[in-house]
Amino acid sequence: MKHRAVGAVLFGGGVLLLALAAGLVFVVKPAMTKLPYDLDPATSVAEAKGATFLQITDGAVAINQADLASTVQVTPERDKTAALSGDLAGDSVVWRVGQTVERTDTKALVSAYGAELALDRVSGAAVEWNEQFLDESGNPEKISFAGQVYKFPFGSAQGNYEVFDRDLRQTRMAEFKGTEDVDGLEVYRYEQMITDEKLPLAADRVALLLGALAPGANAGDVVYSNTRTVWVDPVTGSYVNVREQQKKVLVPNVGTPVTLLDADFSYNEETVSSSVERAKESRGQLNILGVFAPLGLAVLGLVLLIVALLVSRGRTPAAVAARPGADAAPASDPAPTRVDQPVVRDDERAAGLLTDEIPPASTNWKSDEPTVPSQRPAQDESEKK
């Protein structure tokens, strides 16, 4: 009974460990591969050396050259996320995003925008949300974000993804170009090509540009090109590095085209380093909770199940090891020793007293005819002396 009770306890422990391993794989890990509700604000900085850019200061339009720094900050909107309903509730998060571009020499502001959007927690793609907006001039504009905006899916594939472009207000395909090593982290590189596409600018803004930069022209377009390259951690879908080679040209119906922007932006070293470190940390947590911990619990659980079966049968690994011959067939009865053999009298020996065999000690001390002579002399012999 004692063996059965111990075996039952061990069996229950093994089953519990296997259940915990399954829970880590099928419950905990999927929960970790989603955008969290309590995401910490994140900041990235991209720099462009020797950029040509349009700068409007107090209504004055000018084309300048200088180094630029673009800072993007992402902040989770917890209250608005909690207020999501319908298909968005539980599966989406709301982010507020702000960007500023300024000169690195004078710190003068060149451009800025703000936006709010909802993202799917697994794919990282924008989803339809009634309150999303983009604000580039102080007047929020209702637009429809779509595709990948600020991150890629958890478990990104070696395939193509639609990536949203803020200037076009539309998505364009980003093609998978291969794998690369960034500070010891293997990442996927995707490239999006936008070539000479007209920007959807308001008529009054185009008129302002034409009046300042193309006198005599009464119509025109701003043509936009961008080669956007993103290096993505395929496990978490986070951006490790981003490069945008942007160009915007005002093309009037009269006169010479004017370059409004010619800049090559890339994450600075600090942003790349911190992005890599965050990706490595997230990878480590996913590996521990999704691979190593479940594997260890599963192995330990199976060991307990095996020990439980052995204990229930009255056998333990220690007992089996201590009795290596316990399962062997019983040996045949050993040959009887001389003490075990029946007593043989001297007169019954075939060879008599002169035989080479040493007679055994007698065990029959009460025999009527003793075989050992008395050590005390007889009375007649004493009297003769």
Protein backbone atom coordinates (compact mmCIF):
# COMPACT_ATOMS: atom_id res chain seq x y z
CA MET A 1 0.00 0.00 0.00
CA LYS A 2 2.84 2.38 0.84
CA HIS A 3 4.44 1.87 -2.57
CA ARG A 4 1.12 2.51 -4.30
CA ALA A 5 0.55 5.75 -2.37
CA VAL A 6 4.02 7.07 -3.20
CA GLY A 7 3.58 6.01 -6.81
CA ALA A 8 0.27 7.85 -7.02
CA VAL A 9 1.85 11.05 -5.69
CA LEU A 10 4.74 10.81 -8.17
CA PHE A 11 2.34 10.06 -11.02
CA GLY A 12 0.24 13.12 -10.16
CA GLY A 13 3.38 15.28 -10.05
CA GLY A 14 4.46 14.03 -13.46
CA VAL A 15 1.05 14.78 -14.97
CA LEU A 16 1.11 18.27 -13.42
CA LEU A 17 4.55 19.03 -14.90
CA LEU A 18 3.42 17.88 -18.35
CA ALA A 19 0.34 20.11 -18.04
CA LEU A 20 2.54 23.08 -17.09
CA ALA A 21 4.79 22.42 -20.10
CA ALA A 22 1.76 22.38 -22.39
CA GLY A 23 0.46 25.58 -20.79
CA LEU A 24 3.72 27.40 -21.48
CA VAL A 25 3.66 26.32 -25.13
CA PHE A 26 -0.01 26.85 -25.90
CA VAL A 27 -1.00 29.66 -23.52
CA VAL A 28 1.95 31.67 -22.20
CA LYS A 29 4.03 31.88 -25.40
CA PRO A 30 1.07 32.97 -27.62
CA ALA A 31 0.27 35.66 -25.04
CA MET A 32 3.86 36.91 -25.26
CA THR A 33 3.76 37.13 -29.06
CA LYS A 34 1.25 39.98 -28.93
CA LEU A 35 1.70 43.71 -28.52
CA PRO A 36 1.33 44.35 -24.78
CA TYR A 37 -1.16 46.76 -23.29
CA ASP A 38 1.53 48.23 -21.03
CA LEU A 39 4.12 48.90 -23.70
CA ASP A 40 6.71 51.44 -22.63
CA PRO A 41 7.03 54.56 -24.83
CA ALA A 42 9.74 54.10 -27.47
CA THR A 43 11.82 56.71 -29.29
CA SER A 44 13.86 56.34 -32.49
CA VAL A 45 16.13 58.88 -34.14
CA ALA A 46 17.14 58.94 -37.82
CA GLU A 47 19.70 61.33 -39.22
CA ALA A 48 20.35 62.74 -42.70
CA LYS A 49 23.67 64.38 -43.51
CA GLY A 50 23.82 67.30 -45.96
CA ALA A 51 20.13 67.20 -46.78
CA THR A 52 18.32 69.59 -49.11
CA PHE A 53 14.91 70.55 -47.70
CA LEU A 54 12.04 72.99 -47.81
CA GLN A 55 11.70 75.23 -44.80
CA ILE A 56 8.84 77.62 -44.15
CA THR A 57 9.45 80.17 -41.40
CA ASP A 58 6.81 82.78 -40.60
CA GLY A 59 5.33 82.33 -44.07
CA ALA A 60 8.69 82.68 -45.83
CA VAL A 61 9.49 79.76 -48.16
CA ALA A 62 13.13 78.76 -48.63
CA ILE A 63 15.22 75.80 -49.83
CA ASN A 64 18.04 75.13 -47.37
CA GLN A 65 20.81 72.62 -46.82
CA ALA A 66 21.86 71.19 -43.44
CA ASP A 67 22.01 68.02 -41.39
CA LEU A 68 18.59 66.86 -40.21
CA ALA A 69 17.40 64.70 -37.33
CA SER A 70 14.02 62.94 -37.41
CA THR A 71 12.67 61.81 -34.03
CA VAL A 72 9.69 59.45 -33.79
CA GLN A 73 8.04 58.69 -30.46
CA VAL A 74 5.44 55.95 -29.97
CA THR A 75 3.22 56.06 -26.88
CA PRO A 76 0.47 53.53 -26.06
CA GLU A 77 -2.97 54.98 -25.37
CA ARG A 78 -4.12 52.67 -22.56
CA ASP A 79 -7.47 54.34 -21.92
CA LYS A 80 -8.45 54.33 -25.60
CA THR A 81 -7.28 50.72 -25.93
CA ALA A 82 -9.48 49.73 -22.99
CA ALA A 83 -12.42 51.51 -24.63
CA LEU A 84 -12.18 49.51 -27.87
CA SER A 85 -15.25 47.42 -28.60
CA GLY A 86 -16.49 44.83 -31.04
CA ASP A 87 -13.85 43.00 -33.07
CA LEU A 88 -11.14 45.37 -31.83
CA ALA A 89 -11.59 44.62 -28.12
CA GLY A 90 -8.77 42.44 -26.81
CA ASP A 91 -7.12 42.05 -30.21
CA SER A 92 -5.95 45.62 -30.91
CA VAL A 93 -4.04 48.44 -29.24
CA VAL A 94 -4.14 52.20 -29.83
CA TRP A 95 -0.88 54.07 -30.35
CA ARG A 96 -0.19 57.79 -30.45
CA VAL A 97 2.75 58.65 -32.71
CA GLY A 98 4.58 61.91 -33.10
CA GLN A 99 7.45 62.92 -35.36
CA THR A 100 9.60 66.04 -35.53
CA VAL A 101 12.29 66.89 -38.08
CA GLU A 102 14.75 69.61 -37.11
CA ARG A 103 18.08 71.00 -38.13
CA THR A 104 20.93 69.68 -36.04
CA ASP A 105 22.83 72.98 -36.21
CA THR A 106 20.15 75.47 -35.17
CA LYS A 107 17.55 73.07 -33.72
CA ALA A 108 14.99 74.85 -35.88
CA LEU A 109 11.85 72.85 -36.58
CA VAL A 110 11.50 71.82 -40.23
CA SER A 111 8.35 69.67 -40.09
CA ALA A 112 6.19 67.71 -37.66
CA TYR A 113 3.16 65.47 -37.53
CA GLY A 114 1.00 63.60 -35.03
CA ALA A 115 -1.21 60.56 -35.50
CA GLU A 116 -3.33 58.03 -33.64
CA LEU A 117 -4.10 54.58 -35.01
CA ALA A 118 -5.10 51.08 -33.93
CA LEU A 119 -2.88 48.07 -34.59
CA ASP A 120 -3.55 44.36 -34.53
CA ARG A 121 -1.68 42.89 -31.56
CA VAL A 122 -0.27 39.92 -33.50
CA SER A 123 0.28 41.12 -37.08
CA GLY A 124 1.20 44.70 -36.13
CA ALA A 125 -0.84 45.90 -39.12
CA ALA A 126 -3.18 48.87 -38.89
CA VAL A 127 -6.88 48.07 -38.48
CA GLU A 128 -9.99 50.10 -39.19
CA TRP A 129 -10.80 52.40 -36.27
CA ASN A 130 -13.22 55.31 -36.35
CA GLU A 131 -10.99 57.66 -34.34
CA GLN A 132 -7.75 57.34 -36.33
CA PHE A 133 -6.27 60.57 -37.70
CA LEU A 134 -3.15 62.25 -39.11
CA ASP A 135 -2.23 65.84 -38.24
CA GLU A 136 0.48 67.58 -40.29
CA SER A 137 -0.65 71.20 -40.08
CA GLY A 138 -2.63 71.60 -36.88
CA ASN A 139 -5.84 70.32 -38.46
CA PRO A 140 -6.36 66.57 -37.84
CA GLU A 141 -7.21 64.72 -41.03
CA LYS A 142 -9.32 61.56 -41.15
CA ILE A 143 -7.40 58.92 -43.08
CA SER A 144 -7.37 55.11 -43.21
CA PHE A 145 -4.14 53.58 -42.04
CA ALA A 146 -3.42 50.14 -43.47
CA GLY A 147 -0.68 47.53 -43.73
CA GLN A 148 2.49 47.58 -41.65
CA VAL A 149 3.14 51.03 -40.24
CA TYR A 150 5.60 50.94 -37.34
CA LYS A 151 6.34 47.24 -36.98
CA PHE A 152 6.08 43.85 -38.72
CA PRO A 153 4.29 40.72 -37.45
CA PHE A 154 5.60 38.46 -34.73
CA GLY A 155 7.26 35.62 -36.62
CA SER A 156 7.79 37.68 -39.80
CA ALA A 157 8.02 35.60 -42.97
CA GLN A 158 10.54 35.72 -45.78
CA GLY A 159 7.93 37.22 -48.04
CA ASN A 160 6.46 40.54 -49.12
CA TYR A 161 4.39 42.94 -46.98
CA GLU A 162 2.24 45.97 -47.67
CA VAL A 163 3.81 48.95 -45.87
CA PHE A 164 1.95 52.22 -45.33
CA ASP A 165 3.50 55.43 -46.69
CA ARG A 166 2.41 58.57 -44.87
CA ASP A 167 3.07 60.93 -47.79
CA LEU A 168 1.00 58.89 -50.27
CA ARG A 169 -1.66 57.92 -47.68
CA GLN A 170 -1.51 54.44 -49.20
CA THR A 171 0.38 51.17 -48.95
CA ARG A 172 3.07 49.95 -51.31
CA MET A 173 4.69 46.53 -51.43
CA ALA A 174 7.92 45.94 -49.51
CA GLU A 175 9.85 42.98 -50.91
CA PHE A 176 11.95 40.56 -48.89
CA LYS A 177 15.58 40.95 -49.93
CA GLY A 178 17.42 38.52 -47.64
CA THR A 179 18.94 38.11 -44.21
CA GLU A 180 21.70 40.21 -42.65
CA ASP A 181 23.58 40.49 -39.38
CA VAL A 182 23.09 43.66 -37.35
CA ASP A 183 25.21 43.83 -34.20
CA GLY A 184 25.13 40.05 -33.82
CA LEU A 185 21.39 39.73 -34.52
CA GLU A 186 20.14 37.97 -37.64
CA VAL A 187 17.44 40.14 -39.24
CA TYR A 188 15.32 40.23 -42.39
CA ARG A 189 15.76 43.08 -44.86
CA TYR A 190 12.76 44.42 -46.78
CA GLU A 191 12.80 47.10 -49.46
CA GLN A 192 9.98 49.32 -50.72
CA MET A 193 10.43 51.29 -53.94
CA ILE A 194 8.31 54.37 -54.68
CA THR A 195 9.20 56.15 -57.91
CA ASP A 196 7.87 59.52 -59.16
CA GLU A 197 4.37 59.35 -57.70
CA LYS A 198 2.22 62.47 -57.32
CA LEU A 199 1.49 63.48 -53.76
CA PRO A 200 -2.15 64.17 -52.76
CA LEU A 201 -1.57 67.74 -51.55
CA ALA A 202 -4.23 70.35 -50.93
CA ALA A 203 -4.61 72.93 -53.73
CA ASP A 204 -3.82 75.87 -51.45
CA ARG A 205 -0.54 74.33 -50.39
CA VAL A 206 0.52 73.68 -53.99
CA ALA A 207 -0.40 77.28 -54.85
CA LEU A 208 1.81 78.54 -51.99
CA LEU A 209 4.77 76.58 -53.34
CA LEU A 210 4.21 77.68 -56.92
CA GLY A 211 3.95 81.33 -55.94
CA ALA A 212 7.22 81.23 -53.99
CA LEU A 213 9.32 78.87 -56.12
CA ALA A 214 7.86 78.89 -59.65
CA PRO A 215 6.70 82.40 -60.60
CA GLY A 216 4.45 82.39 -63.66
CA ALA A 217 3.20 78.86 -63.11
CA ASN A 218 -0.45 78.40 -62.28
CA ALA A 219 -0.46 74.63 -61.85
CA GLY A 220 1.90 71.90 -60.87
CA ASP A 221 2.48 68.72 -58.88
CA VAL A 222 4.84 67.49 -56.23
CA VAL A 223 6.44 64.25 -57.38
CA TYR A 224 7.65 61.88 -54.66
CA SER A 225 10.21 59.07 -54.66
CA ASN A 226 11.42 56.97 -51.74
CA THR A 227 13.54 53.88 -51.33
CA ARG A 228 12.55 52.60 -47.89
CA THR A 229 14.63 49.79 -46.39
CA VAL A 230 13.70 48.21 -43.07
CA TRP A 231 15.70 45.66 -41.12
CA VAL A 232 13.28 43.61 -39.02
CA ASP A 233 13.81 41.18 -36.17
CA PRO A 234 11.78 38.24 -37.52
CA VAL A 235 10.91 36.92 -34.04
CA THR A 236 9.32 40.08 -32.62
CA GLY A 237 8.68 42.04 -35.83
CA SER A 238 10.35 45.13 -34.39
CA TYR A 239 12.38 47.52 -36.53
CA VAL A 240 16.11 47.22 -35.87
CA ASN A 241 17.14 49.77 -38.49
CA VAL A 242 15.36 51.95 -41.05
CA ARG A 243 16.71 53.86 -44.02
CA GLU A 244 14.66 56.22 -46.23
CA GLN A 245 16.15 57.84 -49.32
CA GLN A 246 13.52 60.48 -49.96
CA LYS A 247 13.12 62.94 -52.79
CA LYS A 248 10.35 65.44 -53.49
CA VAL A 249 10.31 67.69 -56.55
CA LEU A 250 7.91 70.52 -57.42
CA VAL A 251 7.06 70.20 -61.12
CA PRO A 252 5.30 73.40 -62.35
CA ASN A 253 3.51 73.66 -65.66
CA VAL A 254 5.84 76.56 -66.44
CA GLY A 255 9.50 76.80 -65.52
CA THR A 256 12.13 74.49 -64.02
CA PRO A 257 11.39 71.76 -61.46
CA VAL A 258 12.50 72.60 -57.92
CA THR A 259 13.83 70.04 -55.44
CA LEU A 260 11.90 70.33 -52.18
CA LEU A 261 13.59 67.45 -50.38
CA ASP A 262 16.62 65.30 -51.03
CA ALA A 263 17.62 63.46 -47.87
CA ASP A 264 19.00 60.07 -46.87
CA PHE A 265 17.69 59.23 -43.38
CA SER A 266 19.02 56.29 -41.32
CA TYR A 267 18.73 55.29 -37.67
CA ASN A 268 21.65 56.62 -35.66
CA GLU A 269 23.99 54.22 -33.82
CA GLU A 270 22.28 54.66 -30.46
CA THR A 271 18.86 53.79 -31.89
CA VAL A 272 20.21 50.71 -33.71
CA SER A 273 22.03 49.51 -30.59
CA SER A 274 19.02 49.91 -28.29
CA SER A 275 16.72 48.29 -30.86
CA VAL A 276 19.02 45.26 -31.11
CA GLU A 277 19.24 44.94 -27.33
CA ARG A 278 15.45 45.04 -26.94
CA ALA A 279 15.05 42.43 -29.67
CA LYS A 280 17.63 40.12 -28.06
CA GLU A 281 15.96 40.47 -24.67
CA SER A 282 12.54 39.66 -26.11
CA ARG A 283 13.98 36.69 -28.00
CA GLY A 284 15.55 35.37 -24.82
CA GLN A 285 12.27 35.56 -22.93
CA LEU A 286 10.40 33.79 -25.73
CA ASN A 287 13.04 31.05 -25.90
CA ILE A 288 12.98 30.47 -22.14
CA LEU A 289 9.20 30.37 -21.77
CA GLY A 290 8.43 28.87 -25.16
CA VAL A 291 11.23 26.30 -25.60
CA PHE A 292 13.62 25.58 -22.74
CA ALA A 293 11.20 25.70 -19.80
CA PRO A 294 8.53 23.50 -21.49
CA LEU A 295 11.20 21.01 -22.58
CA GLY A 296 12.67 20.79 -19.08
CA LEU A 297 9.25 20.38 -17.46
CA ALA A 298 8.26 17.72 -20.00
CA VAL A 299 11.43 15.68 -19.39
CA LEU A 300 11.05 15.92 -15.61
CA GLY A 301 7.39 14.98 -15.87
CA LEU A 302 8.16 11.86 -17.92
CA VAL A 303 10.86 10.84 -15.42
CA LEU A 304 8.36 11.13 -12.56
CA LEU A 305 5.84 9.01 -14.48
CA ILE A 306 8.40 6.26 -15.03
CA VAL A 307 9.50 6.33 -11.38
CA ALA A 308 5.85 6.23 -10.30
CA LEU A 309 5.24 3.04 -12.30
CA LEU A 310 8.34 1.39 -10.81
CA VAL A 311 7.37 2.38 -7.26
CA SER A 312 3.80 1.13 -7.74
CA ARG A 313 5.21 -2.29 -8.61
CA GLY A 314 7.38 -2.33 -5.52
CA ARG A 315 10.56 -1.54 -7.39
CA THR A 316 12.63 1.61 -7.31
CA PRO A 317 15.61 2.55 -9.45
CA ALA A 318 17.83 2.41 -6.32
CA ALA A 319 16.65 -1.07 -5.41
CA VAL A 320 17.09 -2.32 -8.94
CA ALA A 321 20.63 -0.91 -9.06
CA ALA A 322 21.47 -2.45 -5.66
CA ARG A 323 20.23 -5.88 -6.72
CA PRO A 324 21.69 -6.50 -10.13
CA GLY A 325 20.95 -10.21 -9.94
CA ALA A 326 17.46 -9.91 -8.55
CA ASP A 327 15.85 -10.92 -11.82
CA ALA A 328 18.24 -13.82 -12.50
CA ALA A 329 17.01 -17.42 -12.27
CA PRO A 330 17.63 -19.05 -8.86
CA ALA A 331 20.86 -21.04 -8.73
CA SER A 332 20.77 -24.84 -8.19
CA ASP A 333 21.25 -26.16 -4.66
CA PRO A 334 24.92 -26.03 -3.68
CA ALA A 335 26.81 -29.24 -2.99
CA PRO A 336 26.52 -30.27 0.64
CA THR A 337 29.51 -29.57 2.84
CA ARG A 338 31.17 -32.25 4.86
CA VAL A 339 29.37 -31.07 7.99
CA ASP A 340 26.09 -31.56 6.15
CA GLN A 341 26.97 -35.12 5.10
CA PRO A 342 25.84 -38.09 7.23
CA VAL A 343 28.34 -39.33 9.77
CA VAL A 344 30.53 -42.15 8.54
CA ARG A 345 31.98 -44.55 11.13
CA ASP A 346 35.61 -45.65 10.94
CA ASP A 347 34.72 -49.27 10.48
CA GLU A 348 32.48 -48.35 7.54
CA ARG A 349 35.25 -46.71 5.55
CA ALA A 350 36.21 -48.69 2.53
CA ALA A 351 39.93 -48.15 2.93
CA GLY A 352 40.18 -48.69 6.69
CA LEU A 353 42.38 -46.68 8.99
CA LEU A 354 45.31 -46.62 6.56
CA THR A 355 43.41 -44.76 3.86
CA ASP A 356 44.79 -41.42 2.53
CA GLU A 357 41.52 -39.67 3.31
CA ILE A 358 41.51 -37.55 6.45
CA PRO A 359 38.59 -38.68 8.55
CA PRO A 360 36.06 -36.03 9.40
CA ALA A 361 35.44 -34.94 12.93
CA SER A 362 32.68 -36.88 14.52
CA THR A 363 29.52 -35.03 15.36
CA ASN A 364 27.91 -37.89 17.23
CA TRP A 365 29.28 -37.47 20.79
CA LYS A 366 26.66 -39.74 22.30
CA SER A 367 27.44 -42.87 20.33
CA ASP A 368 27.49 -46.18 22.20
CA GLU A 369 30.84 -47.00 20.63
CA PRO A 370 32.95 -43.89 20.78
CA THR A 371 35.43 -43.40 18.08
CA VAL A 372 37.65 -41.09 20.16
CA PRO A 373 39.68 -42.90 22.97
CA SER A 374 39.27 -41.64 26.50
CA GLN A 375 42.03 -39.36 27.76
CA ARG A 376 41.80 -40.74 31.31
CA PRO A 377 43.72 -44.02 32.04
CA ALA A 378 41.72 -47.02 33.13
CA GLN A 379 41.76 -48.07 36.79
CA ASP A 380 43.65 -51.40 36.21
CA GLU A 381 46.52 -49.64 34.53
CA SER A 382 46.95 -47.22 37.41
CA GLU A 383 47.15 -49.98 39.90
CA LYS A 384 49.82 -51.74 37.87
CA LYS A 385 52.03 -48.71 38.06
